[in-house]
């Protein structure tokens, strides 16, 4: 693939995996589906697939706008909507009004069962509980074994995509200035951490930049970059609005829980 030298070793591994899927499709004339991918993985694999005119692909995560999604690679003569991507939606209900449960609580409980992250799509947290999007292959296992989130007993049932209710995004706009567009400066502003505290978190692998682990506090950022901090949600650089009189960079970030 042209420009492949610009990819990291992990990205090259992703490209090899999707190229293998393409070759399997061409040999069998039958669709192949990936596990759930984060947005960065999706972009890398989609860049490869756009260069392969022999096949077409569909990216879908269980509902429109899903963050984590699968990619189905198929022969050109297949109808995309006929593809079964093997995605199930499992509703989790419990007495959450007495103890607020977070995305981290749900994810931790599921991973503690031994399920791998690539078998899990988005977790949509609402006022009454959550909907966990999973690979259909693990649906029965999840329903049989997930009985408690944190200290809250829960019940599970599979629902249809039409029953999924997406809650309004909880976000906060933060405006401020930073000395530069370094990762530690922007993340410190967005998460309310001192420069030294956020630098320690970065070096401890608690921070991701555009869904990739990064441990260099001096990494340079740009508009649209997404920074996540373990247990604290994420921020998005919404805008870079120029310099202050003192030469600091004015930025607008959106913090999402």
C-alpha atoms as a PDB file:
ATOM      1  CA  UNK A   1       0.000   0.000   0.000  1.00  0.00           C
ATOM      2  CA  UNK A   2       1.335   3.433  -0.935  1.00  0.00           C
ATOM      3  CA  UNK A   3       2.688   5.375   2.036  1.00  0.00           C
ATOM      4  CA  UNK A   4       2.788   2.316   4.263  1.00  0.00           C
ATOM      5  CA  UNK A   5       6.199   3.321   5.616  1.00  0.00           C
ATOM      6  CA  UNK A   6       4.426   6.093   7.539  1.00  0.00           C
ATOM      7  CA  UNK A   7       2.542   3.557   9.665  1.00  0.00           C
ATOM      8  CA  UNK A   8       3.680   2.354  13.081  1.00  0.00           C
ATOM      9  CA  UNK A   9       4.367  -1.361  13.713  1.00  0.00           C
ATOM     10  CA  UNK A  10       0.912  -1.750  15.290  1.00  0.00           C
ATOM     11  CA  UNK A  11      -0.723  -0.033  12.332  1.00  0.00           C
ATOM     12  CA  UNK A  12       1.176  -2.261   9.919  1.00  0.00           C
ATOM     13  CA  UNK A  13      -0.166  -5.256  11.831  1.00  0.00           C
ATOM     14  CA  UNK A  14      -3.693  -3.878  11.378  1.00  0.00           C
ATOM     15  CA  UNK A  15      -3.065  -3.506   7.655  1.00  0.00           C
ATOM     16  CA  UNK A  16      -1.863  -7.087   7.403  1.00  0.00           C
ATOM     17  CA  UNK A  17      -5.003  -8.298   9.187  1.00  0.00           C
ATOM     18  CA  UNK A  18      -7.347  -6.433   6.866  1.00  0.00           C
ATOM     19  CA  UNK A  19      -5.358  -7.496   3.785  1.00  0.00           C
ATOM     20  CA  UNK A  20      -5.825 -11.103   4.953  1.00  0.00           C
ATOM     21  CA  UNK A  21      -9.585 -10.465   5.155  1.00  0.00           C
ATOM     22  CA  UNK A  22      -9.554  -9.121   1.601  1.00  0.00           C
ATOM     23  CA  UNK A  23      -7.700 -12.169   0.303  1.00  0.00           C
ATOM     24  CA  UNK A  24     -10.172 -14.485   2.065  1.00  0.00           C
ATOM     25  CA  UNK A  25     -13.086 -12.616   0.477  1.00  0.00           C
ATOM     26  CA  UNK A  26     -11.535 -12.922  -2.974  1.00  0.00           C
ATOM     27  CA  UNK A  27     -10.856 -16.639  -2.524  1.00  0.00           C
ATOM     28  CA  UNK A  28     -14.247 -17.546  -1.078  1.00  0.00           C
ATOM     29  CA  UNK A  29     -16.476 -14.872  -2.666  1.00  0.00           C
ATOM     30  CA  UNK A  30     -17.989 -14.527   0.818  1.00  0.00           C
ATOM     31  CA  UNK A  31     -17.919 -11.630   3.325  1.00  0.00           C
ATOM     32  CA  UNK A  32     -15.442 -11.423   6.216  1.00  0.00           C
ATOM     33  CA  UNK A  33     -16.066  -9.415   9.393  1.00  0.00           C
ATOM     34  CA  UNK A  34     -13.550  -7.948  11.845  1.00  0.00           C
ATOM     35  CA  UNK A  35     -13.844  -7.734  15.616  1.00  0.00           C
ATOM     36  CA  UNK A  36     -14.854  -4.391  17.143  1.00  0.00           C
ATOM     37  CA  UNK A  37     -12.348  -1.646  16.343  1.00  0.00           C
ATOM     38  CA  UNK A  38     -11.707   1.747  17.895  1.00  0.00           C
ATOM     39  CA  UNK A  39     -11.925   4.814  15.610  1.00  0.00           C
ATOM     40  CA  UNK A  40      -8.184   4.871  14.945  1.00  0.00           C
ATOM     41  CA  UNK A  41      -8.143   1.211  13.926  1.00  0.00           C
ATOM     42  CA  UNK A  42     -11.143   1.846  11.696  1.00  0.00           C
ATOM     43  CA  UNK A  43      -9.400   4.714   9.908  1.00  0.00           C
ATOM     44  CA  UNK A  44      -6.242   2.679   9.290  1.00  0.00           C
ATOM     45  CA  UNK A  45      -8.146  -0.308   7.901  1.00  0.00           C
ATOM     46  CA  UNK A  46     -10.529   1.815   5.854  1.00  0.00           C
ATOM     47  CA  UNK A  47      -7.554   3.582   4.221  1.00  0.00           C
ATOM     48  CA  UNK A  48      -6.369   0.166   3.043  1.00  0.00           C
ATOM     49  CA  UNK A  49      -9.793  -0.959   1.847  1.00  0.00           C
ATOM     50  CA  UNK A  50     -10.372   2.177  -0.228  1.00  0.00           C
ATOM     51  CA  UNK A  51      -7.340   1.193  -2.283  1.00  0.00           C
ATOM     52  CA  UNK A  52      -8.771  -2.266  -3.036  1.00  0.00           C
ATOM     53  CA  UNK A  53     -11.282  -1.906  -5.855  1.00  0.00           C
ATOM     54  CA  UNK A  54     -12.043  -5.640  -5.908  1.00  0.00           C
ATOM     55  CA  UNK A  55     -14.082  -5.402  -2.695  1.00  0.00           C
ATOM     56  CA  UNK A  56     -16.334  -3.022  -0.818  1.00  0.00           C
ATOM     57  CA  UNK A  57     -16.851  -2.592   2.916  1.00  0.00           C
ATOM     58  CA  UNK A  58     -19.319  -1.543   5.587  1.00  0.00           C
ATOM     59  CA  UNK A  59     -18.394  -0.040   8.983  1.00  0.00           C
ATOM     60  CA  UNK A  60     -21.093  -0.404  11.653  1.00  0.00           C
ATOM     61  CA  UNK A  61     -21.224  -0.653  15.446  1.00  0.00           C
ATOM     62  CA  UNK A  62     -24.859  -1.482  16.230  1.00  0.00           C
ATOM     63  CA  UNK A  63     -26.326   2.015  15.813  1.00  0.00           C
ATOM     64  CA  UNK A  64     -25.591   5.095  13.682  1.00  0.00           C
ATOM     65  CA  UNK A  65     -22.636   7.035  15.060  1.00  0.00           C
ATOM     66  CA  UNK A  66     -21.251   4.209  17.193  1.00  0.00           C
ATOM     67  CA  UNK A  67     -17.661   4.843  18.246  1.00  0.00           C
ATOM     68  CA  UNK A  68     -16.479   1.233  18.289  1.00  0.00           C
ATOM     69  CA  UNK A  69     -17.502  -0.653  15.166  1.00  0.00           C
ATOM     70  CA  UNK A  70     -16.878  -3.731  13.051  1.00  0.00           C
ATOM     71  CA  UNK A  71     -15.887  -3.669   9.399  1.00  0.00           C
ATOM     72  CA  UNK A  72     -17.482  -6.119   6.983  1.00  0.00           C
ATOM     73  CA  UNK A  73     -15.445  -6.719   3.811  1.00  0.00           C
ATOM     74  CA  UNK A  74     -17.492  -8.165   0.956  1.00  0.00           C
ATOM     75  CA  UNK A  75     -17.427  -8.902  -2.773  1.00  0.00           C
ATOM     76  CA  UNK A  76     -18.617  -6.021  -4.932  1.00  0.00           C
ATOM     77  CA  UNK A  77     -21.744  -7.917  -5.967  1.00  0.00           C
ATOM     78  CA  UNK A  78     -23.023  -8.292  -2.392  1.00  0.00           C
ATOM     79  CA  UNK A  79     -25.709  -6.023  -0.917  1.00  0.00           C
ATOM     80  CA  UNK A  80     -24.264  -4.397   2.213  1.00  0.00           C
ATOM     81  CA  UNK A  81     -27.516  -4.448   4.184  1.00  0.00           C
ATOM     82  CA  UNK A  82     -27.717  -8.223   3.819  1.00  0.00           C
ATOM     83  CA  UNK A  83     -24.503  -8.756   5.806  1.00  0.00           C
ATOM     84  CA  UNK A  84     -24.772 -10.125   9.350  1.00  0.00           C
ATOM     85  CA  UNK A  85     -22.003  -8.426  11.315  1.00  0.00           C
ATOM     86  CA  UNK A  86     -22.678 -10.510  14.419  1.00  0.00           C
ATOM     87  CA  UNK A  87     -23.634  -7.609  16.695  1.00  0.00           C
ATOM     88  CA  UNK A  88     -26.002  -7.926  19.662  1.00  0.00           C
ATOM     89  CA  UNK A  89     -27.377  -5.317  22.063  1.00  0.00           C
ATOM     90  CA  UNK A  90     -27.705  -6.398  25.698  1.00  0.00           C
ATOM     91  CA  UNK A  91     -29.675  -4.201  28.088  1.00  0.00           C
ATOM     92  CA  UNK A  92     -28.454  -4.123  31.696  1.00  0.00           C
ATOM     93  CA  UNK A  93     -30.899  -3.031  34.390  1.00  0.00           C
ATOM     94  CA  UNK A  94     -30.465  -2.648  38.150  1.00  0.00           C
ATOM     95  CA  UNK A  95     -31.178  -0.336  41.079  1.00  0.00           C
ATOM     96  CA  UNK A  96     -28.933   2.350  39.606  1.00  0.00           C
ATOM     97  CA  UNK A  97     -30.930   5.200  41.146  1.00  0.00           C
ATOM     98  CA  UNK A  98     -29.405   4.250  44.509  1.00  0.00           C
ATOM     99  CA  UNK A  99     -25.833   4.057  43.189  1.00  0.00           C
ATOM    100  CA  UNK A 100     -24.729   5.864  40.048  1.00  0.00           C
ATOM    101  CA  UNK A 101     -22.817   3.534  37.762  1.00  0.00           C
ATOM    102  CA  UNK A 102     -20.353   4.837  35.201  1.00  0.00           C
ATOM    103  CA  UNK A 103     -19.088   3.562  31.868  1.00  0.00           C
ATOM    104  CA  UNK A 104     -15.965   2.442  33.715  1.00  0.00           C
ATOM    105  CA  UNK A 105     -18.058   0.331  36.136  1.00  0.00           C
ATOM    106  CA  UNK A 106     -19.818  -1.491  33.295  1.00  0.00           C
ATOM    107  CA  UNK A 107     -16.657  -2.010  31.254  1.00  0.00           C
ATOM    108  CA  UNK A 108     -14.692  -3.242  34.253  1.00  0.00           C
ATOM    109  CA  UNK A 109     -17.384  -5.747  35.217  1.00  0.00           C
ATOM    110  CA  UNK A 110     -17.509  -7.181  31.694  1.00  0.00           C
ATOM    111  CA  UNK A 111     -13.746  -7.401  31.274  1.00  0.00           C
ATOM    112  CA  UNK A 112     -13.467  -9.078  34.682  1.00  0.00           C
ATOM    113  CA  UNK A 113     -15.490 -11.965  33.222  1.00  0.00           C
ATOM    114  CA  UNK A 114     -12.546 -12.640  30.909  1.00  0.00           C
ATOM    115  CA  UNK A 115     -14.031 -11.187  27.732  1.00  0.00           C
ATOM    116  CA  UNK A 116     -11.587  -9.453  25.396  1.00  0.00           C
ATOM    117  CA  UNK A 117     -12.053  -5.774  24.541  1.00  0.00           C
ATOM    118  CA  UNK A 118     -12.341  -6.532  20.820  1.00  0.00           C
ATOM    119  CA  UNK A 119     -15.542  -8.495  21.522  1.00  0.00           C
ATOM    120  CA  UNK A 120     -17.152  -5.366  22.980  1.00  0.00           C
ATOM    121  CA  UNK A 121     -18.579  -2.398  21.160  1.00  0.00           C
ATOM    122  CA  UNK A 122     -19.928   0.753  22.789  1.00  0.00           C
ATOM    123  CA  UNK A 123     -21.477   0.834  26.244  1.00  0.00           C
ATOM    124  CA  UNK A 124     -24.385   3.274  26.205  1.00  0.00           C
ATOM    125  CA  UNK A 125     -25.067   4.419  29.772  1.00  0.00           C
ATOM    126  CA  UNK A 126     -28.503   5.823  30.610  1.00  0.00           C
ATOM    127  CA  UNK A 127     -30.544   6.725  33.667  1.00  0.00           C
ATOM    128  CA  UNK A 128     -32.030   3.240  34.066  1.00  0.00           C
ATOM    129  CA  UNK A 129     -28.892   1.224  33.332  1.00  0.00           C
ATOM    130  CA  UNK A 130     -26.906   0.633  30.182  1.00  0.00           C
ATOM    131  CA  UNK A 131     -26.861  -1.168  26.862  1.00  0.00           C
ATOM    132  CA  UNK A 132     -23.707  -3.148  26.151  1.00  0.00           C
ATOM    133  CA  UNK A 133     -23.028  -3.849  22.492  1.00  0.00           C
ATOM    134  CA  UNK A 134     -21.216  -7.129  22.023  1.00  0.00           C
ATOM    135  CA  UNK A 135     -20.188  -9.756  19.523  1.00  0.00           C
ATOM    136  CA  UNK A 136     -23.165 -12.087  19.112  1.00  0.00           C
ATOM    137  CA  UNK A 137     -20.884 -15.044  19.870  1.00  0.00           C
ATOM    138  CA  UNK A 138     -20.481 -13.918  23.508  1.00  0.00           C
ATOM    139  CA  UNK A 139     -24.074 -12.823  24.170  1.00  0.00           C
ATOM    140  CA  UNK A 140     -25.159 -15.990  25.988  1.00  0.00           C
ATOM    141  CA  UNK A 141     -21.994 -16.008  28.089  1.00  0.00           C
ATOM    142  CA  UNK A 142     -22.582 -12.398  29.121  1.00  0.00           C
ATOM    143  CA  UNK A 143     -26.221 -13.007  30.042  1.00  0.00           C
ATOM    144  CA  UNK A 144     -25.327 -16.047  32.124  1.00  0.00           C
ATOM    145  CA  UNK A 145     -22.394 -14.550  33.989  1.00  0.00           C
ATOM    146  CA  UNK A 146     -22.882 -10.804  34.408  1.00  0.00           C
ATOM    147  CA  UNK A 147     -24.965 -10.606  37.584  1.00  0.00           C
ATOM    148  CA  UNK A 148     -23.512  -7.532  39.300  1.00  0.00           C
ATOM    149  CA  UNK A 149     -22.043  -4.137  38.372  1.00  0.00           C
ATOM    150  CA  UNK A 150     -19.953  -2.720  41.211  1.00  0.00           C
ATOM    151  CA  UNK A 151     -22.235  -3.665  44.147  1.00  0.00           C
ATOM    152  CA  UNK A 152     -25.508  -3.440  42.205  1.00  0.00           C
ATOM    153  CA  UNK A 153     -27.289  -6.691  41.206  1.00  0.00           C
ATOM    154  CA  UNK A 154     -28.377  -6.516  37.564  1.00  0.00           C
ATOM    155  CA  UNK A 155     -30.573  -8.345  35.087  1.00  0.00           C
ATOM    156  CA  UNK A 156     -29.837  -8.621  31.367  1.00  0.00           C
ATOM    157  CA  UNK A 157     -31.915  -9.043  28.244  1.00  0.00           C
ATOM    158  CA  UNK A 158     -31.207  -8.745  24.543  1.00  0.00           C
ATOM    159  CA  UNK A 159     -32.944  -5.876  22.750  1.00  0.00           C
ATOM    160  CA  UNK A 160     -33.325  -4.762  19.137  1.00  0.00           C
ATOM    161  CA  UNK A 161     -31.500  -1.748  17.679  1.00  0.00           C
ATOM    162  CA  UNK A 162     -34.866   0.018  17.457  1.00  0.00           C
ATOM    163  CA  UNK A 163     -35.214  -0.190  21.258  1.00  0.00           C
ATOM    164  CA  UNK A 164     -31.879   1.516  21.901  1.00  0.00           C
ATOM    165  CA  UNK A 165     -32.221   5.024  23.321  1.00  0.00           C
ATOM    166  CA  UNK A 166     -29.120   7.213  22.981  1.00  0.00           C
ATOM    167  CA  UNK A 167     -28.948   9.677  25.900  1.00  0.00           C
ATOM    168  CA  UNK A 168     -27.992  13.261  25.287  1.00  0.00           C
ATOM    169  CA  UNK A 169     -24.223  13.685  25.444  1.00  0.00           C
ATOM    170  CA  UNK A 170     -22.984  15.213  28.688  1.00  0.00           C
ATOM    171  CA  UNK A 171     -20.267  17.668  27.790  1.00  0.00           C
ATOM    172  CA  UNK A 172     -18.668  20.879  28.965  1.00  0.00           C
ATOM    173  CA  UNK A 173     -16.935  23.562  26.903  1.00  0.00           C
ATOM    174  CA  UNK A 174     -13.665  24.813  28.381  1.00  0.00           C
ATOM    175  CA  UNK A 175     -11.905  27.898  27.038  1.00  0.00           C
ATOM    176  CA  UNK A 176      -8.407  28.832  28.088  1.00  0.00           C
ATOM    177  CA  UNK A 177      -4.820  29.450  27.092  1.00  0.00           C
ATOM    178  CA  UNK A 178      -1.818  27.132  27.070  1.00  0.00           C
ATOM    179  CA  UNK A 179       1.879  27.819  26.632  1.00  0.00           C
ATOM    180  CA  UNK A 180       1.931  25.509  23.595  1.00  0.00           C
ATOM    181  CA  UNK A 181      -0.061  22.710  21.979  1.00  0.00           C
ATOM    182  CA  UNK A 182       1.894  20.073  23.894  1.00  0.00           C
ATOM    183  CA  UNK A 183      -0.088  17.102  25.182  1.00  0.00           C
ATOM    184  CA  UNK A 184       0.637  17.840  28.836  1.00  0.00           C
ATOM    185  CA  UNK A 185      -0.409  21.483  28.499  1.00  0.00           C
ATOM    186  CA  UNK A 186      -3.703  20.809  26.717  1.00  0.00           C
ATOM    187  CA  UNK A 187      -4.601  17.763  28.824  1.00  0.00           C
ATOM    188  CA  UNK A 188      -3.788  19.658  32.008  1.00  0.00           C
ATOM    189  CA  UNK A 189      -6.203  22.423  31.021  1.00  0.00           C
ATOM    190  CA  UNK A 190      -8.957  20.036  29.926  1.00  0.00           C
ATOM    191  CA  UNK A 191      -8.838  17.737  32.942  1.00  0.00           C
ATOM    192  CA  UNK A 192      -7.953  20.367  35.527  1.00  0.00           C
ATOM    193  CA  UNK A 193      -4.599  18.790  36.365  1.00  0.00           C
ATOM    194  CA  UNK A 194      -1.306  20.509  37.069  1.00  0.00           C
ATOM    195  CA  UNK A 195       1.339  20.104  34.358  1.00  0.00           C
ATOM    196  CA  UNK A 196       3.399  17.769  36.582  1.00  0.00           C
ATOM    197  CA  UNK A 197       0.405  15.628  37.575  1.00  0.00           C
ATOM    198  CA  UNK A 198      -0.786  15.116  34.005  1.00  0.00           C
ATOM    199  CA  UNK A 199       2.802  14.388  32.897  1.00  0.00           C
ATOM    200  CA  UNK A 200       2.949  11.568  35.468  1.00  0.00           C
ATOM    201  CA  UNK A 201      -0.352  10.188  34.156  1.00  0.00           C
ATOM    202  CA  UNK A 202       0.955  10.306  30.589  1.00  0.00           C
ATOM    203  CA  UNK A 203       4.181   8.511  31.505  1.00  0.00           C
ATOM    204  CA  UNK A 204       2.136   5.899  33.406  1.00  0.00           C
ATOM    205  CA  UNK A 205       0.201   5.038  30.198  1.00  0.00           C
ATOM    206  CA  UNK A 206      -3.065   6.440  31.568  1.00  0.00           C
ATOM    207  CA  UNK A 207      -3.552   8.774  28.597  1.00  0.00           C
ATOM    208  CA  UNK A 208      -4.526   8.028  25.014  1.00  0.00           C
ATOM    209  CA  UNK A 209      -4.259  10.373  22.049  1.00  0.00           C
ATOM    210  CA  UNK A 210      -6.694   9.563  19.245  1.00  0.00           C
ATOM    211  CA  UNK A 211      -7.285   6.135  20.840  1.00  0.00           C
ATOM    212  CA  UNK A 212      -3.577   5.269  20.905  1.00  0.00           C
ATOM    213  CA  UNK A 213      -1.475   5.046  24.047  1.00  0.00           C
ATOM    214  CA  UNK A 214       1.069   7.845  24.242  1.00  0.00           C
ATOM    215  CA  UNK A 215       3.697   8.416  26.921  1.00  0.00           C
ATOM    216  CA  UNK A 216       5.443  11.522  25.602  1.00  0.00           C
ATOM    217  CA  UNK A 217       4.143  14.673  27.368  1.00  0.00           C
ATOM    218  CA  UNK A 218       5.666  16.852  24.623  1.00  0.00           C
ATOM    219  CA  UNK A 219       3.573  15.320  21.799  1.00  0.00           C
ATOM    220  CA  UNK A 220       2.219  18.111  19.594  1.00  0.00           C
ATOM    221  CA  UNK A 221      -1.546  18.382  19.084  1.00  0.00           C
ATOM    222  CA  UNK A 222      -3.882  19.898  16.516  1.00  0.00           C
ATOM    223  CA  UNK A 223      -7.555  20.766  16.144  1.00  0.00           C
ATOM    224  CA  UNK A 224      -9.797  17.697  16.328  1.00  0.00           C
ATOM    225  CA  UNK A 225      -7.425  15.603  18.425  1.00  0.00           C
ATOM    226  CA  UNK A 226      -9.075  13.454  21.111  1.00  0.00           C
ATOM    227  CA  UNK A 227      -7.378  12.919  24.472  1.00  0.00           C
ATOM    228  CA  UNK A 228      -8.693  10.417  26.999  1.00  0.00           C
ATOM    229  CA  UNK A 229      -7.585  10.021  30.612  1.00  0.00           C
ATOM    230  CA  UNK A 230      -8.256   6.773  32.451  1.00  0.00           C
ATOM    231  CA  UNK A 231     -11.302   7.189  34.681  1.00  0.00           C
ATOM    232  CA  UNK A 232     -11.831  10.855  33.726  1.00  0.00           C
ATOM    233  CA  UNK A 233     -13.470  10.751  30.303  1.00  0.00           C
ATOM    234  CA  UNK A 234     -12.061  12.575  27.309  1.00  0.00           C
ATOM    235  CA  UNK A 235     -11.512  15.980  25.787  1.00  0.00           C
ATOM    236  CA  UNK A 236     -11.633  17.096  22.168  1.00  0.00           C
ATOM    237  CA  UNK A 237      -9.788  20.134  20.812  1.00  0.00           C
ATOM    238  CA  UNK A 238     -12.725  21.994  19.295  1.00  0.00           C
ATOM    239  CA  UNK A 239     -10.878  25.078  18.133  1.00  0.00           C
ATOM    240  CA  UNK A 240      -7.577  26.955  18.228  1.00  0.00           C
ATOM    241  CA  UNK A 241      -8.427  30.641  18.183  1.00  0.00           C
ATOM    242  CA  UNK A 242      -5.051  32.396  18.013  1.00  0.00           C
ATOM    243  CA  UNK A 243      -2.620  33.864  20.504  1.00  0.00           C
ATOM    244  CA  UNK A 244      -3.067  36.028  23.576  1.00  0.00           C
ATOM    245  CA  UNK A 245      -1.115  39.252  24.093  1.00  0.00           C
ATOM    246  CA  UNK A 246       1.383  37.243  26.127  1.00  0.00           C
ATOM    247  CA  UNK A 247       1.945  34.788  23.279  1.00  0.00           C
ATOM    248  CA  UNK A 248      -0.069  31.918  24.761  1.00  0.00           C
ATOM    249  CA  UNK A 249      -2.286  29.770  22.534  1.00  0.00           C
ATOM    250  CA  UNK A 250      -6.040  30.238  22.939  1.00  0.00           C
ATOM    251  CA  UNK A 251      -7.959  26.961  22.656  1.00  0.00           C
ATOM    252  CA  UNK A 252     -11.471  25.623  23.103  1.00  0.00           C
ATOM    253  CA  UNK A 253     -11.884  22.047  24.300  1.00  0.00           C
ATOM    254  CA  UNK A 254     -14.979  19.949  24.840  1.00  0.00           C
ATOM    255  CA  UNK A 255     -14.906  17.635  27.838  1.00  0.00           C
ATOM    256  CA  UNK A 256     -17.064  14.518  27.574  1.00  0.00           C
ATOM    257  CA  UNK A 257     -17.793  12.106  30.416  1.00  0.00           C
END
